[in-house]
C-alpha atoms as a PDB file:
ATOM      1  CA  MET A   1     134.673 153.753  77.421  1.00  0.00           C
ATOM      2  CA  THR A   2     138.319 152.834  77.547  1.00  0.00           C
ATOM      3  CA  LEU A   3     140.709 153.267  74.507  1.00  0.00           C
ATOM      4  CA  ASP A   4     141.740 149.872  73.118  1.00  0.00           C
ATOM      5  CA  VAL A   5     145.524 150.146  73.093  1.00  0.00           C
ATOM      6  CA  ALA A   6     148.438 148.726  74.993  1.00  0.00           C
ATOM      7  CA  ARG A   7     149.526 150.636  77.986  1.00  0.00           C
ATOM      8  CA  GLN A   8     152.555 152.913  77.715  1.00  0.00           C
ATOM      9  CA  GLY A   9     155.710 151.962  79.574  1.00  0.00           C
ATOM     10  CA  GLY A  10     155.845 152.817  83.282  1.00  0.00           C
ATOM     11  CA  SER A  11     151.925 153.594  83.458  1.00  0.00           C
ATOM     12  CA  LYS A  12     148.742 151.528  84.297  1.00  0.00           C
ATOM     13  CA  ARG A  13     146.508 154.215  82.984  1.00  0.00           C
ATOM     14  CA  LEU A  14     144.591 153.997  79.776  1.00  0.00           C
ATOM     15  CA  PRO A  15     142.585 156.843  78.136  1.00  0.00           C
ATOM     16  CA  THR A  16     138.854 156.865  79.160  1.00  0.00           C
ATOM     17  CA  MET A  17     135.942 158.793  78.027  1.00  0.00           C
ATOM     18  CA  GLU A  18     132.322 159.070  79.351  1.00  0.00           C
ATOM     19  CA  ILE A  19     129.629 160.618  77.004  1.00  0.00           C
ATOM     20  CA  GLY A  20     126.391 161.753  78.441  1.00  0.00           C
ATOM     21  CA  ASP A  21     122.990 161.708  76.976  1.00  0.00           C
ATOM     22  CA  ASN A  22     123.505 165.249  75.466  1.00  0.00           C
ATOM     23  CA  GLY A  23     126.801 164.514  74.022  1.00  0.00           C
ATOM     24  CA  GLU A  24     128.970 165.935  76.640  1.00  0.00           C
ATOM     25  CA  ALA A  25     132.267 164.142  77.111  1.00  0.00           C
ATOM     26  CA  VAL A  26     134.420 163.799  80.125  1.00  0.00           C
ATOM     27  CA  LEU A  27     138.033 162.597  79.061  1.00  0.00           C
ATOM     28  CA  GLU A  28     140.767 161.172  81.414  1.00  0.00           C
ATOM     29  CA  LEU A  29     143.795 160.620  79.048  1.00  0.00           C
ATOM     30  CA  TRP A  30     147.212 159.285  79.692  1.00  0.00           C
ATOM     31  CA  CYS A  31     148.004 162.435  81.585  1.00  0.00           C
ATOM     32  CA  LYS A  32     145.790 165.361  80.776  1.00  0.00           C
ATOM     33  CA  ALA A  33     142.096 165.421  81.480  1.00  0.00           C
ATOM     34  CA  GLY A  34     139.173 167.710  80.215  1.00  0.00           C
ATOM     35  CA  LYS A  35     135.917 168.020  78.420  1.00  0.00           C
ATOM     36  CA  GLY A  36     134.401 168.003  75.062  1.00  0.00           C
ATOM     37  CA  GLN A  37     131.132 167.682  72.975  1.00  0.00           C
ATOM     38  CA  PHE A  38     129.973 165.153  70.642  1.00  0.00           C
ATOM     39  CA  SER A  39     127.299 165.723  67.994  1.00  0.00           C
ATOM     40  CA  VAL A  40     125.920 162.604  66.314  1.00  0.00           C
ATOM     41  CA  ALA A  41     123.666 162.297  63.480  1.00  0.00           C
ATOM     42  CA  GLY A  42     123.220 158.731  62.074  1.00  0.00           C
ATOM     43  CA  ASN A  43     126.833 157.456  61.678  1.00  0.00           C
ATOM     44  CA  THR A  44     128.321 160.842  61.492  1.00  0.00           C
ATOM     45  CA  VAL A  45     130.094 162.319  64.346  1.00  0.00           C
ATOM     46  CA  ILE A  46     131.685 165.580  65.240  1.00  0.00           C
ATOM     47  CA  PHE A  47     133.876 166.210  68.288  1.00  0.00           C
ATOM     48  CA  VAL A  48     134.780 169.398  69.659  1.00  0.00           C
ATOM     49  CA  ALA A  49     137.566 169.487  72.528  1.00  0.00           C
ATOM     50  CA  GLY A  50     137.111 171.768  75.327  1.00  0.00           C
ATOM     51  CA  ARG A  51     140.008 172.986  77.598  1.00  0.00           C
ATOM     52  CA  LEU A  52     142.450 170.352  78.708  1.00  0.00           C
ATOM     53  CA  GLU A  53     143.866 170.560  82.158  1.00  0.00           C
ATOM     54  CA  ASP A  54     147.519 170.104  81.705  1.00  0.00           C
ATOM     55  CA  ARG A  55     148.961 168.045  84.860  1.00  0.00           C
ATOM     56  CA  ALA A  56     152.700 168.434  84.468  1.00  0.00           C
ATOM     57  CA  CYS A  57     152.861 165.571  81.949  1.00  0.00           C
ATOM     58  CA  ALA A  58     156.036 164.051  80.648  1.00  0.00           C
ATOM     59  CA  PRO A  59     156.548 165.412  77.004  1.00  0.00           C
ATOM     60  CA  ALA A  60     155.697 161.973  75.386  1.00  0.00           C
ATOM     61  CA  ARG A  61     152.522 161.512  77.356  1.00  0.00           C
ATOM     62  CA  ALA A  62     151.533 165.087  76.719  1.00  0.00           C
ATOM     63  CA  GLN A  63     152.250 164.495  72.946  1.00  0.00           C
ATOM     64  CA  ALA A  64     150.078 161.315  73.042  1.00  0.00           C
ATOM     65  CA  ASP A  65     147.188 163.087  74.629  1.00  0.00           C
ATOM     66  CA  ASP A  66     147.371 165.915  71.997  1.00  0.00           C
ATOM     67  CA  ASP A  67     147.342 163.212  69.335  1.00  0.00           C
ATOM     68  CA  LEU A  68     144.517 161.373  70.759  1.00  0.00           C
ATOM     69  CA  ILE A  69     142.437 164.691  70.809  1.00  0.00           C
ATOM     70  CA  ALA A  70     143.307 165.469  67.339  1.00  0.00           C
ATOM     71  CA  ALA A  71     142.227 162.077  66.041  1.00  0.00           C
ATOM     72  CA  LEU A  72     139.040 162.375  67.840  1.00  0.00           C
ATOM     73  CA  SER A  73     138.481 165.787  66.339  1.00  0.00           C
ATOM     74  CA  GLU A  74     139.259 164.445  62.849  1.00  0.00           C
ATOM     75  CA  ALA A  75     136.961 161.441  63.064  1.00  0.00           C
ATOM     76  CA  ALA A  76     133.945 161.860  60.658  1.00  0.00           C
ATOM     77  CA  THR A  77     132.100 158.584  61.265  1.00  0.00           C
ATOM     78  CA  TRP A  78     131.544 156.143  63.987  1.00  0.00           C
ATOM     79  CA  LYS A  79     130.386 152.396  64.534  1.00  0.00           C
ATOM     80  CA  ARG A  80     129.543 150.172  67.204  1.00  0.00           C
ATOM     81  CA  GLN A  81     130.300 146.336  67.148  1.00  0.00           C
ATOM     82  CA  GLY A  82     129.347 144.607  70.224  1.00  0.00           C
ATOM     83  CA  ASP A  83     131.170 146.201  73.048  1.00  0.00           C
ATOM     84  CA  PHE A  84     133.562 148.266  70.984  1.00  0.00           C
ATOM     85  CA  VAL A  85     132.878 151.818  69.492  1.00  0.00           C
ATOM     86  CA  SER A  86     134.964 152.925  66.603  1.00  0.00           C
ATOM     87  CA  PHE A  87     135.628 156.491  65.674  1.00  0.00           C
ATOM     88  CA  ILE A  88     136.848 156.527  61.965  1.00  0.00           C
ATOM     89  CA  GLY A  89     138.965 159.301  60.409  1.00  0.00           C
ATOM     90  CA  ALA A  90     142.621 159.682  59.366  1.00  0.00           C
ATOM     91  CA  LYS A  91     143.608 157.673  62.467  1.00  0.00           C
ATOM     92  CA  PRO A  92     140.720 155.068  63.476  1.00  0.00           C
ATOM     93  CA  LEU A  93     140.371 154.764  67.340  1.00  0.00           C
ATOM     94  CA  ARG A  94     138.600 151.965  69.033  1.00  0.00           C
ATOM     95  CA  PHE A  95     137.173 152.079  72.494  1.00  0.00           C
ATOM     96  CA  ARG A  96     135.779 149.307  74.638  1.00  0.00           C
ATOM     97  CA  LEU A  97     132.601 149.994  76.485  1.00  0.00           C
ATOM     98  CA  ASN A  98     132.897 149.821  80.229  1.00  0.00           C
ATOM     99  CA  THR A  99     130.462 147.147  81.186  1.00  0.00           C
ATOM    100  CA  ASN A 100     130.934 147.066  84.929  1.00  0.00           C
END
């Protein structure tokens, strides 16, 4: 899945996330990368972040990655609409399914 947001200035990269059958997640963010774990029951979701690899990020990109992880961790519910998956919490996040 790819986060449905505008690109950051000076970068073509958009955050992506792959979720495996057992809820394991692999994250490639604006700068950082890491793993996490999703638990889903009905429309309820819990995300627990693992260790993130800090890749000598610019401060703004590092903060954007930290904010994204925090928003995923605060999400309480999720829903799918067509090719989009939304995580709903204090800051809603919308991801587009990669269909290629």
